[in-house]
């Protein structure tokens, strides 16, 4: 399984890491890549309750296979090459 989380750096805390552990509970190893991201509207004011609700909804969607895009390596390569044209 693979997923991408986009969050503010101050949101990276032990609760978030524990959520990742729960999400990947059957994985023996995890690979984590960190990079700077564009805004994605994350600079909008958000209460702690709104933030928690947003993360819970994202986790529920992932667990229910909603709003996911799945493709083979070959499909991804083709898709990427088409974007570069």
N, C-alpha and C. Protein backbone atom coordinates (compact mmCIF):
# COMPACT_ATOMS: atom_id res chain seq x y z
N UNK A 1 0.85 -1.17 0.00
CA UNK A 1 0.00 0.00 0.00
C UNK A 1 0.89 1.23 0.00
N UNK A 2 0.41 2.27 -0.65
CA UNK A 2 1.15 3.53 -0.70
C UNK A 2 0.16 4.67 -0.52
N UNK A 3 0.57 5.67 0.22
CA UNK A 3 -0.28 6.84 0.41
C UNK A 3 0.59 8.08 0.55
N UNK A 4 -0.02 9.22 0.32
CA UNK A 4 0.66 10.50 0.46
C UNK A 4 -0.11 11.36 1.44
N UNK A 5 0.56 11.90 2.42
CA UNK A 5 -0.03 12.84 3.37
C UNK A 5 0.59 14.20 3.12
N UNK A 6 -0.22 15.22 3.06
CA UNK A 6 0.29 16.58 2.94
C UNK A 6 -0.16 17.34 4.18
N UNK A 7 0.79 17.84 4.94
CA UNK A 7 0.48 18.51 6.18
C UNK A 7 1.50 19.58 6.48
N UNK A 8 1.16 20.43 7.42
CA UNK A 8 2.10 21.46 7.88
C UNK A 8 3.15 20.80 8.76
N UNK A 9 4.37 21.35 8.75
CA UNK A 9 5.43 20.70 9.52
C UNK A 9 5.10 20.66 11.01
N UNK A 10 4.36 21.66 11.53
CA UNK A 10 4.01 21.63 12.95
C UNK A 10 2.96 20.57 13.26
N UNK A 11 2.33 20.00 12.23
CA UNK A 11 1.35 18.92 12.43
C UNK A 11 2.02 17.55 12.53
N UNK A 12 3.28 17.48 12.24
CA UNK A 12 4.01 16.21 12.32
C UNK A 12 4.33 15.95 13.79
N UNK A 13 3.56 15.06 14.38
CA UNK A 13 3.71 14.77 15.80
C UNK A 13 3.58 13.27 16.05
N UNK A 14 3.68 12.88 17.30
CA UNK A 14 3.62 11.46 17.63
C UNK A 14 2.25 10.86 17.31
N UNK A 15 1.19 11.65 17.43
CA UNK A 15 -0.16 11.15 17.09
C UNK A 15 -0.24 10.77 15.61
N UNK A 16 0.36 11.62 14.76
CA UNK A 16 0.39 11.33 13.33
C UNK A 16 1.19 10.05 13.06
N UNK A 17 2.34 9.92 13.70
CA UNK A 17 3.15 8.72 13.50
C UNK A 17 2.42 7.46 13.98
N UNK A 18 1.70 7.56 15.07
CA UNK A 18 0.93 6.41 15.56
C UNK A 18 -0.18 6.05 14.57
N UNK A 19 -0.79 7.05 13.94
CA UNK A 19 -1.81 6.79 12.92
C UNK A 19 -1.21 6.05 11.73
N UNK A 20 0.00 6.42 11.34
CA UNK A 20 0.69 5.73 10.25
C UNK A 20 0.97 4.28 10.65
N UNK A 21 1.41 4.07 11.88
CA UNK A 21 1.67 2.71 12.36
C UNK A 21 0.40 1.86 12.30
N UNK A 22 -0.73 2.44 12.70
CA UNK A 22 -1.99 1.70 12.65
C UNK A 22 -2.39 1.39 11.21
N UNK A 23 -2.21 2.36 10.33
CA UNK A 23 -2.59 2.20 8.94
C UNK A 23 -1.78 1.10 8.26
N UNK A 24 -0.51 0.99 8.61
CA UNK A 24 0.39 0.01 8.00
C UNK A 24 0.74 -1.08 9.00
N UNK A 25 -0.21 -1.48 9.83
CA UNK A 25 0.06 -2.42 10.92
C UNK A 25 0.61 -3.76 10.45
N UNK A 26 0.33 -4.16 9.21
CA UNK A 26 0.81 -5.45 8.73
C UNK A 26 2.11 -5.36 7.95
N UNK A 27 2.65 -4.17 7.82
CA UNK A 27 3.89 -3.99 7.06
C UNK A 27 5.10 -4.26 7.96
N UNK A 28 6.06 -4.94 7.40
CA UNK A 28 7.28 -5.22 8.16
C UNK A 28 8.21 -4.01 8.15
N UNK A 29 8.26 -3.32 7.02
CA UNK A 29 9.09 -2.13 6.89
C UNK A 29 8.28 -1.03 6.22
N UNK A 30 8.66 0.20 6.49
CA UNK A 30 8.05 1.35 5.84
C UNK A 30 9.14 2.19 5.20
N UNK A 31 8.83 2.80 4.10
CA UNK A 31 9.73 3.75 3.46
C UNK A 31 9.06 5.11 3.52
N UNK A 32 9.72 6.07 4.12
CA UNK A 32 9.14 7.40 4.29
C UNK A 32 10.01 8.41 3.54
N UNK A 33 9.38 9.17 2.66
CA UNK A 33 10.06 10.22 1.91
C UNK A 33 9.43 11.55 2.29
N UNK A 34 10.27 12.52 2.59
CA UNK A 34 9.78 13.83 3.01
C UNK A 34 10.27 14.87 2.01
N UNK A 35 9.36 15.73 1.57
CA UNK A 35 9.75 16.81 0.67
C UNK A 35 8.88 18.02 0.94
N UNK A 36 9.36 19.15 0.52
CA UNK A 36 8.59 20.38 0.63
C UNK A 36 7.45 20.31 -0.39
N UNK A 37 6.29 20.80 -0.02
CA UNK A 37 5.12 20.73 -0.89
C UNK A 37 4.54 22.12 -1.13
N UNK A 38 3.74 22.21 -2.18
CA UNK A 38 3.02 23.46 -2.41
C UNK A 38 1.90 23.58 -1.40
N UNK A 39 1.22 24.65 -1.43
CA UNK A 39 0.26 25.03 -0.40
C UNK A 39 -0.89 24.05 -0.20
N UNK A 40 -1.59 23.63 -1.23
CA UNK A 40 -2.75 22.75 -1.14
C UNK A 40 -3.79 23.26 -0.15
N UNK A 41 -3.89 24.58 0.00
CA UNK A 41 -4.83 25.23 0.91
C UNK A 41 -4.59 24.91 2.38
N UNK A 42 -3.40 24.43 2.71
CA UNK A 42 -3.12 24.10 4.10
C UNK A 42 -2.83 25.32 4.95
N UNK A 43 -2.67 26.48 4.32
CA UNK A 43 -2.41 27.68 5.10
C UNK A 43 -3.70 28.35 5.56
N UNK A 44 -4.84 27.78 5.17
CA UNK A 44 -6.13 28.31 5.61
C UNK A 44 -6.28 28.04 7.11
N UNK A 45 -6.86 28.99 7.85
CA UNK A 45 -7.08 28.75 9.29
C UNK A 45 -7.93 27.49 9.51
N UNK A 46 -7.55 26.73 10.51
CA UNK A 46 -8.24 25.47 10.77
C UNK A 46 -8.19 25.20 12.27
N UNK A 47 -9.33 24.89 12.84
CA UNK A 47 -9.35 24.57 14.27
C UNK A 47 -8.78 23.16 14.48
N UNK A 48 -8.37 22.85 15.70
CA UNK A 48 -7.90 21.48 15.96
C UNK A 48 -8.96 20.43 15.61
N UNK A 49 -10.23 20.75 15.85
CA UNK A 49 -11.30 19.79 15.53
C UNK A 49 -11.43 19.60 14.02
N UNK A 50 -11.32 20.67 13.25
CA UNK A 50 -11.39 20.57 11.79
C UNK A 50 -10.20 19.77 11.25
N UNK A 51 -9.04 20.02 11.83
CA UNK A 51 -7.83 19.30 11.42
C UNK A 51 -7.98 17.80 11.68
N UNK A 52 -8.44 17.47 12.87
CA UNK A 52 -8.63 16.06 13.23
C UNK A 52 -9.66 15.41 12.32
N UNK A 53 -10.76 16.12 12.06
CA UNK A 53 -11.80 15.59 11.18
C UNK A 53 -11.26 15.35 9.77
N UNK A 54 -10.43 16.27 9.27
CA UNK A 54 -9.85 16.13 7.94
C UNK A 54 -8.96 14.90 7.87
N UNK A 55 -8.12 14.71 8.88
CA UNK A 55 -7.23 13.54 8.88
C UNK A 55 -8.00 12.24 9.03
N UNK A 56 -9.01 12.24 9.89
CA UNK A 56 -9.82 11.02 10.07
C UNK A 56 -10.55 10.66 8.79
N UNK A 57 -11.08 11.67 8.09
CA UNK A 57 -11.77 11.42 6.83
C UNK A 57 -10.81 10.83 5.80
N UNK A 58 -9.60 11.38 5.74
CA UNK A 58 -8.60 10.87 4.80
C UNK A 58 -8.25 9.42 5.11
N UNK A 59 -8.07 9.11 6.40
CA UNK A 59 -7.75 7.73 6.79
C UNK A 59 -8.91 6.78 6.49
N UNK A 60 -10.14 7.22 6.74
CA UNK A 60 -11.32 6.40 6.44
C UNK A 60 -11.44 6.15 4.93
N UNK A 61 -11.20 7.19 4.14
CA UNK A 61 -11.26 7.03 2.69
C UNK A 61 -10.23 6.02 2.23
N UNK A 62 -9.04 6.09 2.78
CA UNK A 62 -7.99 5.17 2.39
C UNK A 62 -8.35 3.74 2.78
N UNK A 63 -8.82 3.56 4.00
CA UNK A 63 -9.19 2.22 4.47
C UNK A 63 -10.35 1.64 3.68
N UNK A 64 -11.26 2.50 3.18
CA UNK A 64 -12.42 2.04 2.42
C UNK A 64 -12.14 2.03 0.91
N UNK A 65 -10.89 2.27 0.54
CA UNK A 65 -10.50 2.30 -0.87
C UNK A 65 -11.26 3.36 -1.67
N UNK A 66 -11.60 4.48 -1.03
CA UNK A 66 -12.25 5.60 -1.72
C UNK A 66 -11.20 6.64 -2.06
N UNK A 67 -11.43 7.33 -3.17
CA UNK A 67 -10.54 8.42 -3.60
C UNK A 67 -9.10 7.96 -3.78
N UNK A 68 -8.94 6.73 -4.23
CA UNK A 68 -7.60 6.18 -4.48
C UNK A 68 -7.40 6.01 -5.96
N UNK A 69 -6.18 6.17 -6.38
CA UNK A 69 -5.81 5.89 -7.76
C UNK A 69 -4.76 4.79 -7.70
N UNK A 70 -5.02 3.70 -8.39
CA UNK A 70 -4.10 2.57 -8.39
C UNK A 70 -3.71 2.28 -9.84
N UNK A 71 -2.42 2.17 -10.08
CA UNK A 71 -1.95 1.83 -11.42
C UNK A 71 -0.67 1.02 -11.32
N UNK A 72 -0.43 0.27 -12.36
CA UNK A 72 0.81 -0.51 -12.42
C UNK A 72 1.97 0.44 -12.69
N UNK A 73 3.18 -0.08 -12.55
CA UNK A 73 4.36 0.72 -12.88
C UNK A 73 4.32 1.18 -14.33
N UNK A 74 3.92 0.27 -15.21
CA UNK A 74 3.86 0.61 -16.64
C UNK A 74 2.81 1.70 -16.90
N UNK A 75 1.65 1.59 -16.27
CA UNK A 75 0.62 2.61 -16.44
C UNK A 75 1.11 3.96 -15.91
N UNK A 76 1.81 3.94 -14.79
CA UNK A 76 2.33 5.19 -14.24
C UNK A 76 3.37 5.80 -15.17
N UNK A 77 4.26 4.97 -15.71
CA UNK A 77 5.26 5.46 -16.65
C UNK A 77 4.60 6.10 -17.87
N UNK A 78 3.60 5.42 -18.43
CA UNK A 78 2.88 5.96 -19.59
C UNK A 78 2.20 7.29 -19.24
N UNK A 79 1.56 7.31 -18.09
CA UNK A 79 0.89 8.53 -17.64
C UNK A 79 1.89 9.68 -17.49
N UNK A 80 3.02 9.40 -16.86
CA UNK A 80 4.04 10.42 -16.65
C UNK A 80 4.61 10.92 -17.97
N UNK A 81 4.88 10.01 -18.87
CA UNK A 81 5.43 10.41 -20.18
C UNK A 81 4.44 11.28 -20.94
N UNK A 82 3.16 10.97 -20.85
CA UNK A 82 2.15 11.79 -21.53
C UNK A 82 2.08 13.18 -20.94
N UNK A 83 2.34 13.33 -19.66
CA UNK A 83 2.34 14.66 -19.04
C UNK A 83 3.51 15.49 -19.53
N UNK A 84 4.61 14.83 -19.89
CA UNK A 84 5.80 15.55 -20.32
C UNK A 84 5.75 15.98 -21.78
N UNK A 85 4.77 15.48 -22.52
CA UNK A 85 4.67 15.83 -23.95
C UNK A 85 4.19 17.24 -24.13
